[in-house]
PDB file of N, CA and C in Angstrom:
ATOM      1  N   MET A   1       7.214 -14.024 -44.362  1.00  0.00           N
ATOM      2  CA  MET A   1       7.597 -14.672 -45.596  1.00  0.00           C
ATOM      3  C   MET A   1       8.089 -16.098 -45.338  1.00  0.00           C
ATOM      4  N   ALA A   2       8.513 -16.402 -44.120  1.00  0.00           N
ATOM      5  CA  ALA A   2       9.066 -17.732 -43.840  1.00  0.00           C
ATOM      6  C   ALA A   2       8.068 -18.833 -44.178  1.00  0.00           C
ATOM      7  N   ASP A   3       6.823 -18.717 -43.704  1.00  0.00           N
ATOM      8  CA  ASP A   3       5.815 -19.734 -43.992  1.00  0.00           C
ATOM      9  C   ASP A   3       5.467 -19.754 -45.473  1.00  0.00           C
ATOM     10  N   ASP A   4       5.318 -18.567 -46.075  1.00  0.00           N
ATOM     11  CA  ASP A   4       5.032 -18.490 -47.506  1.00  0.00           C
ATOM     12  C   ASP A   4       6.178 -19.091 -48.317  1.00  0.00           C
ATOM     13  N   GLY A   5       7.393 -18.838 -47.895  1.00  0.00           N
ATOM     14  CA  GLY A   5       8.547 -19.416 -48.580  1.00  0.00           C
ATOM     15  C   GLY A   5       8.532 -20.939 -48.523  1.00  0.00           C
ATOM     16  N   ALA A   6       8.116 -21.488 -47.388  1.00  0.00           N
ATOM     17  CA  ALA A   6       8.026 -22.946 -47.256  1.00  0.00           C
ATOM     18  C   ALA A   6       6.954 -23.500 -48.195  1.00  0.00           C
ATOM     19  N   VAL A   7       5.844 -22.798 -48.321  1.00  0.00           N
ATOM     20  CA  VAL A   7       4.782 -23.220 -49.250  1.00  0.00           C
ATOM     21  C   VAL A   7       5.324 -23.252 -50.673  1.00  0.00           C
ATOM     22  N   ILE A   8       6.041 -22.199 -51.049  1.00  0.00           N
ATOM     23  CA  ILE A   8       6.564 -22.109 -52.414  1.00  0.00           C
ATOM     24  C   ILE A   8       7.643 -23.165 -52.652  1.00  0.00           C
ATOM     25  N   ARG A   9       8.529 -23.360 -51.701  1.00  0.00           N
ATOM     26  CA  ARG A   9       9.554 -24.414 -51.853  1.00  0.00           C
ATOM     27  C   ARG A   9       8.892 -25.777 -52.048  1.00  0.00           C
ATOM     28  N   GLY A  10       7.833 -26.018 -51.289  1.00  0.00           N
ATOM     29  CA  GLY A  10       7.097 -27.268 -51.434  1.00  0.00           C
ATOM     30  C   GLY A  10       6.502 -27.417 -52.821  1.00  0.00           C
ATOM     31  N   LEU A  11       6.009 -26.313 -53.387  1.00  0.00           N
ATOM     32  CA  LEU A  11       5.475 -26.365 -54.751  1.00  0.00           C
ATOM     33  C   LEU A  11       6.533 -26.829 -55.743  1.00  0.00           C
ATOM     34  N   TYR A  12       7.727 -26.268 -55.638  1.00  0.00           N
ATOM     35  CA  TYR A  12       8.805 -26.676 -56.543  1.00  0.00           C
ATOM     36  C   TYR A  12       9.147 -28.152 -56.358  1.00  0.00           C
ATOM     37  N   GLU A  13       9.195 -28.603 -55.125  1.00  0.00           N
ATOM     38  CA  GLU A  13       9.490 -30.015 -54.871  1.00  0.00           C
ATOM     39  C   GLU A  13       8.425 -30.919 -55.482  1.00  0.00           C
ATOM     40  N   HIS A  14       7.159 -30.565 -55.278  1.00  0.00           N
ATOM     41  CA  HIS A  14       6.061 -31.360 -55.839  1.00  0.00           C
ATOM     42  C   HIS A  14       6.068 -31.310 -57.361  1.00  0.00           C
ATOM     43  N   PHE A  15       6.320 -30.134 -57.924  1.00  0.00           N
ATOM     44  CA  PHE A  15       6.380 -30.014 -59.379  1.00  0.00           C
ATOM     45  C   PHE A  15       7.474 -30.914 -59.947  1.00  0.00           C
ATOM     46  N   ASN A  16       8.673 -30.821 -59.396  1.00  0.00           N
ATOM     47  CA  ASN A  16       9.798 -31.614 -59.903  1.00  0.00           C
ATOM     48  C   ASN A  16       9.567 -33.117 -59.743  1.00  0.00           C
ATOM     49  N   ALA A  17       8.756 -33.511 -58.748  1.00  0.00           N
ATOM     50  CA  ALA A  17       8.425 -34.920 -58.531  1.00  0.00           C
ATOM     51  C   ALA A  17       7.196 -35.345 -59.346  1.00  0.00           C
ATOM     52  N   ARG A  18       6.615 -34.418 -60.093  1.00  0.00           N
ATOM     53  CA  ARG A  18       5.385 -34.658 -60.875  1.00  0.00           C
ATOM     54  C   ARG A  18       4.224 -35.076 -59.972  1.00  0.00           C
ATOM     55  N   ASP A  19       4.186 -34.485 -58.790  1.00  0.00           N
ATOM     56  CA  ASP A  19       3.135 -34.755 -57.805  1.00  0.00           C
ATOM     57  C   ASP A  19       2.082 -33.660 -57.894  1.00  0.00           C
ATOM     58  N   ILE A  20       1.149 -33.821 -58.808  1.00  0.00           N
ATOM     59  CA  ILE A  20       0.146 -32.780 -59.047  1.00  0.00           C
ATOM     60  C   ILE A  20      -0.748 -32.580 -57.821  1.00  0.00           C
ATOM     61  N   GLU A  21      -1.055 -33.629 -57.091  1.00  0.00           N
ATOM     62  CA  GLU A  21      -1.910 -33.471 -55.908  1.00  0.00           C
ATOM     63  C   GLU A  21      -1.216 -32.630 -54.840  1.00  0.00           C
ATOM     64  N   GLY A  22       0.087 -32.820 -54.681  1.00  0.00           N
ATOM     65  CA  GLY A  22       0.847 -32.014 -53.737  1.00  0.00           C
ATOM     66  C   GLY A  22       0.856 -30.551 -54.122  1.00  0.00           C
ATOM     67  N   VAL A  23       0.958 -30.279 -55.424  1.00  0.00           N
ATOM     68  CA  VAL A  23       0.912 -28.899 -55.910  1.00  0.00           C
ATOM     69  C   VAL A  23      -0.456 -28.292 -55.644  1.00  0.00           C
ATOM     70  N   LEU A  24      -1.500 -28.991 -56.052  1.00  0.00           N
ATOM     71  CA  LEU A  24      -2.855 -28.442 -55.934  1.00  0.00           C
ATOM     72  C   LEU A  24      -3.231 -28.147 -54.484  1.00  0.00           C
ATOM     73  N   ALA A  25      -2.691 -28.918 -53.552  1.00  0.00           N
ATOM     74  CA  ALA A  25      -2.993 -28.690 -52.134  1.00  0.00           C
ATOM     75  C   ALA A  25      -2.502 -27.326 -51.659  1.00  0.00           C
ATOM     76  N   ALA A  26      -1.529 -26.742 -52.349  1.00  0.00           N
ATOM     77  CA  ALA A  26      -0.970 -25.447 -51.949  1.00  0.00           C
ATOM     78  C   ALA A  26      -1.582 -24.275 -52.713  1.00  0.00           C
ATOM     79  N   LEU A  27      -2.586 -24.542 -53.553  1.00  0.00           N
ATOM     80  CA  LEU A  27      -3.205 -23.496 -54.369  1.00  0.00           C
ATOM     81  C   LEU A  27      -4.634 -23.218 -53.909  1.00  0.00           C
ATOM     82  N   THR A  28      -5.044 -21.947 -54.017  1.00  0.00           N
ATOM     83  CA  THR A  28      -6.441 -21.633 -53.754  1.00  0.00           C
ATOM     84  C   THR A  28      -7.303 -22.277 -54.840  1.00  0.00           C
ATOM     85  N   ASP A  29      -8.563 -22.482 -54.545  1.00  0.00           N
ATOM     86  CA  ASP A  29      -9.468 -23.118 -55.515  1.00  0.00           C
ATOM     87  C   ASP A  29      -9.582 -22.308 -56.802  1.00  0.00           C
ATOM     88  N   ASP A  30      -9.471 -20.985 -56.694  1.00  0.00           N
ATOM     89  CA  ASP A  30      -9.642 -20.105 -57.858  1.00  0.00           C
ATOM     90  C   ASP A  30      -8.326 -19.525 -58.362  1.00  0.00           C
ATOM     91  N   VAL A  31      -7.224 -20.224 -58.147  1.00  0.00           N
ATOM     92  CA  VAL A  31      -5.893 -19.747 -58.525  1.00  0.00           C
ATOM     93  C   VAL A  31      -5.858 -19.308 -59.992  1.00  0.00           C
ATOM     94  N   ALA A  32      -5.111 -18.246 -60.260  1.00  0.00           N
ATOM     95  CA  ALA A  32      -4.803 -17.804 -61.633  1.00  0.00           C
ATOM     96  C   ALA A  32      -3.336 -18.149 -61.856  1.00  0.00           C
ATOM     97  N   TRP A  33      -3.053 -19.025 -62.827  1.00  0.00           N
ATOM     98  CA  TRP A  33      -1.708 -19.561 -63.039  1.00  0.00           C
ATOM     99  C   TRP A  33      -1.247 -19.223 -64.445  1.00  0.00           C
ATOM    100  N   ALA A  34      -0.090 -18.568 -64.570  1.00  0.00           N
ATOM    101  CA  ALA A  34       0.440 -18.191 -65.882  1.00  0.00           C
ATOM    102  C   ALA A  34       0.711 -19.429 -66.727  1.00  0.00           C
ATOM    103  N   ASN A  35       0.286 -19.383 -67.976  1.00  0.00           N
ATOM    104  CA  ASN A  35       0.510 -20.464 -68.928  1.00  0.00           C
ATOM    105  C   ASN A  35       1.744 -20.111 -69.747  1.00  0.00           C
ATOM    106  N   ALA A  36       2.895 -20.626 -69.345  1.00  0.00           N
ATOM    107  CA  ALA A  36       4.162 -20.275 -69.998  1.00  0.00           C
ATOM    108  C   ALA A  36       4.296 -20.896 -71.386  1.00  0.00           C
ATOM    109  N   MET A  37       3.497 -21.901 -71.692  1.00  0.00           N
ATOM    110  CA  MET A  37       3.583 -22.550 -73.003  1.00  0.00           C
ATOM    111  C   MET A  37       2.786 -21.794 -74.060  1.00  0.00           C
ATOM    112  N   ASP A  38       1.582 -21.376 -73.712  1.00  0.00           N
ATOM    113  CA  ASP A  38       0.663 -20.811 -74.702  1.00  0.00           C
ATOM    114  C   ASP A  38       0.328 -19.344 -74.469  1.00  0.00           C
ATOM    115  N   GLY A  39       0.733 -18.814 -73.324  1.00  0.00           N
ATOM    116  CA  GLY A  39       0.359 -17.451 -72.974  1.00  0.00           C
ATOM    117  C   GLY A  39      -0.954 -17.437 -72.209  1.00  0.00           C
ATOM    118  N   GLY A  40      -1.243 -16.333 -71.589  1.00  0.00           N
ATOM    119  CA  GLY A  40      -2.472 -16.204 -70.816  1.00  0.00           C
ATOM    120  C   GLY A  40      -2.370 -16.921 -69.485  1.00  0.00           C
ATOM    121  N   TYR A  41      -3.512 -17.316 -68.970  1.00  0.00           N
ATOM    122  CA  TYR A  41      -3.598 -17.968 -67.664  1.00  0.00           C
ATOM    123  C   TYR A  41      -4.528 -19.168 -67.735  1.00  0.00           C
ATOM    124  N   VAL A  42      -4.280 -20.108 -66.834  1.00  0.00           N
ATOM    125  CA  VAL A  42      -5.252 -21.159 -66.565  1.00  0.00           C
ATOM    126  C   VAL A  42      -5.818 -20.851 -65.195  1.00  0.00           C
ATOM    127  N   HIS A  43      -7.029 -21.339 -64.926  1.00  0.00           N
ATOM    128  CA  HIS A  43      -7.707 -20.969 -63.689  1.00  0.00           C
ATOM    129  C   HIS A  43      -8.213 -22.201 -62.952  1.00  0.00           C
ATOM    130  N   GLY A  44      -8.066 -22.146 -61.627  1.00  0.00           N
ATOM    131  CA  GLY A  44      -8.571 -23.203 -60.765  1.00  0.00           C
ATOM    132  C   GLY A  44      -7.744 -24.471 -60.830  1.00  0.00           C
ATOM    133  N   HIS A  45      -8.085 -25.389 -59.942  1.00  0.00           N
ATOM    134  CA  HIS A  45      -7.336 -26.652 -59.866  1.00  0.00           C
ATOM    135  C   HIS A  45      -7.427 -27.439 -61.172  1.00  0.00           C
ATOM    136  N   ALA A  46      -8.596 -27.477 -61.776  1.00  0.00           N
ATOM    137  CA  ALA A  46      -8.743 -28.242 -63.028  1.00  0.00           C
ATOM    138  C   ALA A  46      -7.866 -27.648 -64.126  1.00  0.00           C
ATOM    139  N   GLY A  47      -7.807 -26.327 -64.210  1.00  0.00           N
ATOM    140  CA  GLY A  47      -6.976 -25.681 -65.220  1.00  0.00           C
ATOM    141  C   GLY A  47      -5.497 -25.965 -65.017  1.00  0.00           C
ATOM    142  N   VAL A  48      -5.025 -25.897 -63.773  1.00  0.00           N
ATOM    143  CA  VAL A  48      -3.618 -26.176 -63.481  1.00  0.00           C
ATOM    144  C   VAL A  48      -3.314 -27.649 -63.742  1.00  0.00           C
ATOM    145  N   ARG A  49      -4.200 -28.537 -63.328  1.00  0.00           N
ATOM    146  CA  ARG A  49      -3.995 -29.972 -63.556  1.00  0.00           C
ATOM    147  C   ARG A  49      -3.878 -30.258 -65.055  1.00  0.00           C
ATOM    148  N   ASP A  50      -4.792 -29.739 -65.840  1.00  0.00           N
ATOM    149  CA  ASP A  50      -4.768 -29.969 -67.292  1.00  0.00           C
ATOM    150  C   ASP A  50      -3.495 -29.401 -67.918  1.00  0.00           C
ATOM    151  N   TYR A  51      -3.122 -28.191 -67.508  1.00  0.00           N
ATOM    152  CA  TYR A  51      -1.943 -27.529 -68.054  1.00  0.00           C
ATOM    153  C   TYR A  51      -0.678 -28.340 -67.779  1.00  0.00           C
ATOM    154  N   TRP A  52      -0.467 -28.707 -66.519  1.00  0.00           N
ATOM    155  CA  TRP A  52       0.758 -29.427 -66.192  1.00  0.00           C
ATOM    156  C   TRP A  52       0.755 -30.847 -66.727  1.00  0.00           C
ATOM    157  N   THR A  53      -0.385 -31.496 -66.724  1.00  0.00           N
ATOM    158  CA  THR A  53      -0.461 -32.849 -67.279  1.00  0.00           C
ATOM    159  C   THR A  53      -0.086 -32.821 -68.756  1.00  0.00           C
ATOM    160  N   ARG A  54      -0.578 -31.822 -69.461  1.00  0.00           N
ATOM    161  CA  ARG A  54      -0.246 -31.667 -70.886  1.00  0.00           C
ATOM    162  C   ARG A  54       1.242 -31.356 -71.057  1.00  0.00           C
ATOM    163  N   GLN A  55       1.782 -30.443 -70.236  1.00  0.00           N
ATOM    164  CA  GLN A  55       3.189 -30.076 -70.323  1.00  0.00           C
ATOM    165  C   GLN A  55       4.083 -31.289 -70.063  1.00  0.00           C
ATOM    166  N   TRP A  56       3.781 -32.041 -69.007  1.00  0.00           N
ATOM    167  CA  TRP A  56       4.600 -33.196 -68.648  1.00  0.00           C
ATOM    168  C   TRP A  56       4.517 -34.313 -69.687  1.00  0.00           C
ATOM    169  N   ALA A  57       3.511 -34.301 -70.530  1.00  0.00           N
ATOM    170  CA  ALA A  57       3.388 -35.316 -71.582  1.00  0.00           C
ATOM    171  C   ALA A  57       4.278 -35.009 -72.786  1.00  0.00           C
ATOM    172  N   ILE A  58       4.771 -33.741 -72.890  1.00  0.00           N
ATOM    173  CA  ILE A  58       5.575 -33.381 -74.065  1.00  0.00           C
ATOM    174  C   ILE A  58       7.007 -32.972 -73.733  1.00  0.00           C
ATOM    175  N   VAL A  59       7.258 -32.536 -72.502  1.00  0.00           N
ATOM    176  CA  VAL A  59       8.613 -32.164 -72.087  1.00  0.00           C
ATOM    177  C   VAL A  59       8.838 -32.583 -70.635  1.00  0.00           C
ATOM    178  N   SER A  60      10.104 -32.558 -70.236  1.00  0.00           N
ATOM    179  CA  SER A  60      10.473 -32.883 -68.864  1.00  0.00           C
ATOM    180  C   SER A  60      11.151 -31.665 -68.230  1.00  0.00           C
ATOM    181  N   PRO A  61      10.360 -30.791 -67.613  1.00  0.00           N
ATOM    182  CA  PRO A  61      10.937 -29.591 -67.001  1.00  0.00           C
ATOM    183  C   PRO A  61      11.433 -29.852 -65.576  1.00  0.00           C
ATOM    184  N   HIS A  62      12.435 -29.084 -65.177  1.00  0.00           N
ATOM    185  CA  HIS A  62      12.922 -29.070 -63.802  1.00  0.00           C
ATOM    186  C   HIS A  62      13.155 -27.611 -63.432  1.00  0.00           C
ATOM    187  N   VAL A  63      12.661 -27.207 -62.270  1.00  0.00           N
ATOM    188  CA  VAL A  63      12.820 -25.828 -61.823  1.00  0.00           C
ATOM    189  C   VAL A  63      13.514 -25.812 -60.464  1.00  0.00           C
ATOM    190  N   GLU A  64      14.524 -24.977 -60.370  1.00  0.00           N
ATOM    191  CA  GLU A  64      15.315 -24.891 -59.146  1.00  0.00           C
ATOM    192  C   GLU A  64      15.308 -23.449 -58.638  1.00  0.00           C
ATOM    193  N   PRO A  65      14.605 -23.190 -57.528  1.00  0.00           N
ATOM    194  CA  PRO A  65      14.607 -21.830 -56.982  1.00  0.00           C
ATOM    195  C   PRO A  65      15.969 -21.487 -56.391  1.00  0.00           C
ATOM    196  N   VAL A  66      16.467 -20.285 -56.702  1.00  0.00           N
ATOM    197  CA  VAL A  66      17.778 -19.890 -56.197  1.00  0.00           C
ATOM    198  C   VAL A  66      17.744 -18.645 -55.317  1.00  0.00           C
ATOM    199  N   ARG A  67      16.670 -17.856 -55.394  1.00  0.00           N
ATOM    200  CA  ARG A  67      16.580 -16.668 -54.534  1.00  0.00           C
ATOM    201  C   ARG A  67      15.120 -16.272 -54.368  1.00  0.00           C
ATOM    202  N   PHE A  68      14.743 -15.942 -53.140  1.00  0.00           N
ATOM    203  CA  PHE A  68      13.399 -15.488 -52.800  1.00  0.00           C
ATOM    204  C   PHE A  68      13.490 -14.034 -52.354  1.00  0.00           C
ATOM    205  N   THR A  69      12.670 -13.169 -52.938  1.00  0.00           N
ATOM    206  CA  THR A  69      12.691 -11.751 -52.595  1.00  0.00           C
ATOM    207  C   THR A  69      11.267 -11.259 -52.365  1.00  0.00           C
ATOM    208  N   PRO A  70      10.972 -10.701 -51.188  1.00  0.00           N
ATOM    209  CA  PRO A  70       9.645 -10.132 -50.974  1.00  0.00           C
ATOM    210  C   PRO A  70       9.493  -8.850 -51.791  1.00  0.00           C
ATOM    211  N   ALA A  71       8.357  -8.695 -52.441  1.00  0.00           N
ATOM    212  CA  ALA A  71       8.079  -7.501 -53.237  1.00  0.00           C
ATOM    213  C   ALA A  71       7.252  -6.519 -52.417  1.00  0.00           C
ATOM    214  N   VAL A  72       7.252  -5.272 -52.840  1.00  0.00           N
ATOM    215  CA  VAL A  72       6.535  -4.204 -52.144  1.00  0.00           C
ATOM    216  C   VAL A  72       5.044  -4.511 -52.034  1.00  0.00           C
ATOM    217  N   ASP A  73       4.480  -5.156 -53.065  1.00  0.00           N
ATOM    218  CA  ASP A  73       3.041  -5.438 -53.078  1.00  0.00           C
ATOM    219  C   ASP A  73       2.655  -6.663 -52.258  1.00  0.00           C
ATOM    220  N   GLY A  74       3.635  -7.295 -51.585  1.00  0.00           N
ATOM    221  CA  GLY A  74       3.346  -8.461 -50.765  1.00  0.00           C
ATOM    222  C   GLY A  74       3.577  -9.792 -51.464  1.00  0.00           C
ATOM    223  N   SER A  75       3.792  -9.759 -52.763  1.00  0.00           N
ATOM    224  CA  SER A  75       4.091 -10.997 -53.481  1.00  0.00           C
ATOM    225  C   SER A  75       5.529 -11.417 -53.195  1.00  0.00           C
ATOM    226  N   ILE A  76       5.880 -12.613 -53.635  1.00  0.00           N
ATOM    227  CA  ILE A  76       7.240 -13.122 -53.476  1.00  0.00           C
ATOM    228  C   ILE A  76       7.793 -13.428 -54.862  1.00  0.00           C
ATOM    229  N   VAL A  77       8.951 -12.845 -55.162  1.00  0.00           N
ATOM    230  CA  VAL A  77       9.614 -13.054 -56.447  1.00  0.00           C
ATOM    231  C   VAL A  77      10.695 -14.114 -56.236  1.00  0.00           C
ATOM    232  N   VAL A  78      10.669 -15.133 -57.076  1.00  0.00           N
ATOM    233  CA  VAL A  78      11.626 -16.224 -56.957  1.00  0.00           C
ATOM    234  C   VAL A  78      12.433 -16.315 -58.253  1.00  0.00           C
ATOM    235  N   ASP A  79      13.750 -16.183 -58.127  1.00  0.00           N
ATOM    236  CA  ASP A  79      14.633 -16.424 -59.272  1.00  0.00           C
ATOM    237  C   ASP A  79      14.771 -17.931 -59.408  1.00  0.00           C
ATOM    238  N   VAL A  80      14.519 -18.435 -60.619  1.00  0.00           N
ATOM    239  CA  VAL A  80      14.448 -19.870 -60.854  1.00  0.00           C
ATOM    240  C   VAL A  80      15.301 -20.250 -62.055  1.00  0.00           C
ATOM    241  N   VAL A  81      16.106 -21.291 -61.896  1.00  0.00           N
ATOM    242  CA  VAL A  81      16.809 -21.880 -63.028  1.00  0.00           C
ATOM    243  C   VAL A  81      15.894 -22.965 -63.585  1.00  0.00           C
ATOM    244  N   GLN A  82      15.476 -22.760 -64.816  1.00  0.00           N
ATOM    245  CA  GLN A  82      14.536 -23.659 -65.487  1.00  0.00           C
ATOM    246  C   GLN A  82      15.284 -24.486 -66.526  1.00  0.00           C
ATOM    247  N   THR A  83      15.184 -25.805 -66.418  1.00  0.00           N
ATOM    248  CA  THR A  83      15.814 -26.702 -67.372  1.00  0.00           C
ATOM    249  C   THR A  83      14.724 -27.538 -68.026  1.00  0.00           C
ATOM    250  N   ILE A  84      14.685 -27.517 -69.351  1.00  0.00           N
ATOM    251  CA  ILE A  84      13.658 -28.248 -70.092  1.00  0.00           C
ATOM    252  C   ILE A  84      14.326 -29.296 -70.966  1.00  0.00           C
ATOM    253  N   ARG A  85      13.915 -30.537 -70.811  1.00  0.00           N
ATOM    254  CA  ARG A  85      14.442 -31.639 -71.615  1.00  0.00           C
ATOM    255  C   ARG A  85      13.283 -32.360 -72.307  1.00  0.00           C
ATOM    256  N   ASP A  86      13.622 -33.192 -73.278  1.00  0.00           N
ATOM    257  CA  ASP A  86      12.577 -34.015 -73.876  1.00  0.00           C
ATOM    258  C   ASP A  86      12.269 -35.157 -72.910  1.00  0.00           C
ATOM    259  N   LEU A  87      11.337 -36.006 -73.270  1.00  0.00           N
ATOM    260  CA  LEU A  87      10.904 -37.064 -72.364  1.00  0.00           C
ATOM    261  C   LEU A  87      11.963 -38.139 -72.144  1.00  0.00           C
ATOM    262  N   HIS A  88      13.044 -38.090 -72.908  1.00  0.00           N
ATOM    263  CA  HIS A  88      14.151 -39.028 -72.742  1.00  0.00           C
ATOM    264  C   HIS A  88      15.330 -38.383 -72.011  1.00  0.00           C
ATOM    265  N   GLY A  89      15.156 -37.138 -71.553  1.00  0.00           N
ATOM    266  CA  GLY A  89      16.205 -36.443 -70.823  1.00  0.00           C
ATOM    267  C   GLY A  89      17.216 -35.720 -71.687  1.00  0.00           C
ATOM    268  N   GLU A  90      16.941 -35.635 -72.971  1.00  0.00           N
ATOM    269  CA  GLU A  90      17.855 -34.986 -73.909  1.00  0.00           C
ATOM    270  C   GLU A  90      17.485 -33.514 -74.095  1.00  0.00           C
ATOM    271  N   PRO A  91      18.464 -32.659 -74.423  1.00  0.00           N
ATOM    272  CA  PRO A  91      18.156 -31.248 -74.710  1.00  0.00           C
ATOM    273  C   PRO A  91      17.151 -31.137 -75.861  1.00  0.00           C
ATOM    274  N   LEU A  92      16.346 -30.119 -75.808  1.00  0.00           N
ATOM    275  CA  LEU A  92      15.316 -29.915 -76.828  1.00  0.00           C
ATOM    276  C   LEU A  92      15.900 -29.312 -78.096  1.00  0.00           C
ATOM    277  N   HIS A  93      15.319 -29.682 -79.216  1.00  0.00           N
ATOM    278  CA  HIS A  93      15.677 -29.117 -80.510  1.00  0.00           C
ATOM    279  C   HIS A  93      14.393 -28.787 -81.251  1.00  0.00           C
ATOM    280  N   GLU A  94      14.314 -27.588 -81.813  1.00  0.00           N
ATOM    281  CA  GLU A  94      13.182 -27.173 -82.645  1.00  0.00           C
ATOM    282  C   GLU A  94      11.839 -27.351 -81.941  1.00  0.00           C
ATOM    283  N   GLN A  95      11.750 -26.959 -80.660  1.00  0.00           N
ATOM    284  CA  GLN A  95      10.491 -27.069 -79.954  1.00  0.00           C
ATOM    285  C   GLN A  95       9.485 -26.062 -80.488  1.00  0.00           C
ATOM    286  N   THR A  96       8.217 -26.388 -80.380  1.00  0.00           N
ATOM    287  CA  THR A  96       7.155 -25.508 -80.866  1.00  0.00           C
ATOM    288  C   THR A  96       6.481 -24.739 -79.739  1.00  0.00           C
ATOM    289  N   HIS A  97       6.869 -24.990 -78.508  1.00  0.00           N
ATOM    290  CA  HIS A  97       6.313 -24.272 -77.361  1.00  0.00           C
ATOM    291  C   HIS A  97       7.334 -23.235 -76.904  1.00  0.00           C
ATOM    292  N   GLY A  98       6.973 -22.414 -75.941  1.00  0.00           N
ATOM    293  CA  GLY A  98       7.849 -21.352 -75.482  1.00  0.00           C
ATOM    294  C   GLY A  98       8.779 -21.726 -74.351  1.00  0.00           C
ATOM    295  N   LEU A  99       8.892 -22.995 -74.031  1.00  0.00           N
ATOM    296  CA  LEU A  99       9.704 -23.413 -72.891  1.00  0.00           C
ATOM    297  C   LEU A  99      11.144 -23.656 -73.317  1.00  0.00           C
ATOM    298  N   THR A 100      12.077 -23.006 -72.621  1.00  0.00           N
ATOM    299  CA  THR A 100      13.496 -23.177 -72.913  1.00  0.00           C
ATOM    300  C   THR A 100      14.290 -23.147 -71.611  1.00  0.00           C
ATOM    301  N   ASP A 101      15.551 -23.595 -71.676  1.00  0.00           N
ATOM    302  CA  ASP A 101      16.453 -23.485 -70.531  1.00  0.00           C
ATOM    303  C   ASP A 101      16.779 -22.015 -70.326  1.00  0.00           C
ATOM    304  N   LYS A 102      16.568 -21.517 -69.124  1.00  0.00           N
ATOM    305  CA  LYS A 102      16.898 -20.125 -68.823  1.00  0.00           C
ATOM    306  C   LYS A 102      16.631 -19.861 -67.350  1.00  0.00           C
ATOM    307  N   THR A 103      17.055 -18.703 -66.902  1.00  0.00           N
ATOM    308  CA  THR A 103      16.701 -18.232 -65.569  1.00  0.00           C
ATOM    309  C   THR A 103      15.522 -17.287 -65.722  1.00  0.00           C
ATOM    310  N   VAL A 104      14.495 -17.511 -64.926  1.00  0.00           N
ATOM    311  CA  VAL A 104      13.281 -16.703 -64.995  1.00  0.00           C
ATOM    312  C   VAL A 104      12.912 -16.229 -63.596  1.00  0.00           C
ATOM    313  N   GLU A 105      12.007 -15.273 -63.543  1.00  0.00           N
ATOM    314  CA  GLU A 105      11.441 -14.835 -62.269  1.00  0.00           C
ATOM    315  C   GLU A 105      10.003 -15.333 -62.188  1.00  0.00           C
ATOM    316  N   HIS A 106       9.702 -16.041 -61.130  1.00  0.00           N
ATOM    317  CA  HIS A 106       8.345 -16.464 -60.830  1.00  0.00           C
ATOM    318  C   HIS A 106       7.826 -15.540 -59.731  1.00  0.00           C
ATOM    319  N   VAL A 107       6.600 -15.101 -59.864  1.00  0.00           N
ATOM    320  CA  VAL A 107       6.002 -14.205 -58.874  1.00  0.00           C
ATOM    321  C   VAL A 107       4.775 -14.894 -58.285  1.00  0.00           C
ATOM    322  N   PHE A 108       4.787 -15.066 -56.979  1.00  0.00           N
ATOM    323  CA  PHE A 108       3.703 -15.740 -56.275  1.00  0.00           C
ATOM    324  C   PHE A 108       2.963 -14.747 -55.394  1.00  0.00           C
ATOM    325  N   THR A 109       1.642 -14.785 -55.460  1.00  0.00           N
ATOM    326  CA  THR A 109       0.786 -14.057 -54.533  1.00  0.00           C
ATOM    327  C   THR A 109       0.068 -15.103 -53.695  1.00  0.00           C
ATOM    328  N   LEU A 110       0.159 -14.962 -52.386  1.00  0.00           N
ATOM    329  CA  LEU A 110      -0.468 -15.926 -51.486  1.00  0.00           C
ATOM    330  C   LEU A 110      -1.558 -15.261 -50.675  1.00  0.00           C
ATOM    331  N   ASN A 111      -2.599 -16.023 -50.390  1.00  0.00           N
ATOM    332  CA  ASN A 111      -3.675 -15.600 -49.501  1.00  0.00           C
ATOM    333  C   ASN A 111      -3.924 -16.727 -48.511  1.00  0.00           C
ATOM    334  N   ASP A 112      -3.857 -16.418 -47.232  1.00  0.00           N
ATOM    335  CA  ASP A 112      -4.081 -17.410 -46.176  1.00  0.00           C
ATOM    336  C   ASP A 112      -3.239 -18.667 -46.371  1.00  0.00           C
ATOM    337  N   GLY A 113      -1.973 -18.486 -46.757  1.00  0.00           N
ATOM    338  CA  GLY A 113      -1.052 -19.603 -46.847  1.00  0.00           C
ATOM    339  C   GLY A 113      -1.146 -20.449 -48.103  1.00  0.00           C
ATOM    340  N   LYS A 114      -1.928 -19.986 -49.091  1.00  0.00           N
ATOM    341  CA  LYS A 114      -2.040 -20.712 -50.353  1.00  0.00           C
ATOM    342  C   LYS A 114      -1.786 -19.756 -51.510  1.00  0.00           C
ATOM    343  N   VAL A 115      -1.258 -20.289 -52.603  1.00  0.00           N
ATOM    344  CA  VAL A 115      -0.977 -19.475 -53.779  1.00  0.00           C
ATOM    345  C   VAL A 115      -2.288 -19.160 -54.499  1.00  0.00           C
ATOM    346  N   SER A 116      -2.536 -17.860 -54.699  1.00  0.00           N
ATOM    347  CA  SER A 116      -3.750 -17.436 -55.405  1.00  0.00           C
ATOM    348  C   SER A 116      -3.447 -16.937 -56.812  1.00  0.00           C
ATOM    349  N   ARG A 117      -2.166 -16.586 -57.067  1.00  0.00           N
ATOM    350  CA  ARG A 117      -1.769 -16.114 -58.395  1.00  0.00           C
ATOM    351  C   ARG A 117      -0.290 -16.429 -58.619  1.00  0.00           C
ATOM    352  N   PHE A 118       0.006 -16.820 -59.860  1.00  0.00           N
ATOM    353  CA  PHE A 118       1.375 -17.116 -60.260  1.00  0.00           C
ATOM    354  C   PHE A 118       1.639 -16.431 -61.591  1.00  0.00           C
ATOM    355  N   ASP A 119       2.749 -15.691 -61.641  1.00  0.00           N
ATOM    356  CA  ASP A 119       3.151 -14.995 -62.877  1.00  0.00           C
ATOM    357  C   ASP A 119       4.595 -15.334 -63.201  1.00  0.00           C
ATOM    358  N   VAL A 120       4.961 -15.203 -64.468  1.00  0.00           N
ATOM    359  CA  VAL A 120       6.333 -15.397 -64.924  1.00  0.00           C
ATOM    360  C   VAL A 120       6.802 -14.082 -65.541  1.00  0.00           C
ATOM    361  N   ARG A 121       8.013 -13.645 -65.145  1.00  0.00           N
ATOM    362  CA  ARG A 121       8.579 -12.436 -65.766  1.00  0.00           C
ATOM    363  C   ARG A 121       9.900 -12.795 -66.418  1.00  0.00           C
TER     364      ARG A 121
END
C-alpha cells in the first residue's frame, strides 16, 4: 500500500493545484471516475479532463486526505475533508450541484501503480 498511497497522495496534490496533467499521469487510460456533481461515471482521460475542467470553472474545491485504509478487496479507502468554495473563495450558497463541505470516503482501485477506478461513498 505504501507505493499506492504515494500515488493517491500525489493525486490530491495535483488536484488541489489544478494540475490536470499530473492527475492524468496517475490514471489508467480507461479509468472509471465517479462524477460527484451529476452522478454516474466519466471514463478515460478525456472524460476526467472534461469533468474536472468543468468543475473548476464553477467552484473551487479543496480535498485533504486524513486517513488511508486498505480494504479487503484490495482497494484503498481514503477519508477526505472536502471544502467547496465559489471562484472567489467564499462559501457556497444555493448551489445547483451536489458538491458541499463535508467529510467523504474516496475509494481507489489501482492496477500496476495507476488508478483504474474511483468511487465516492
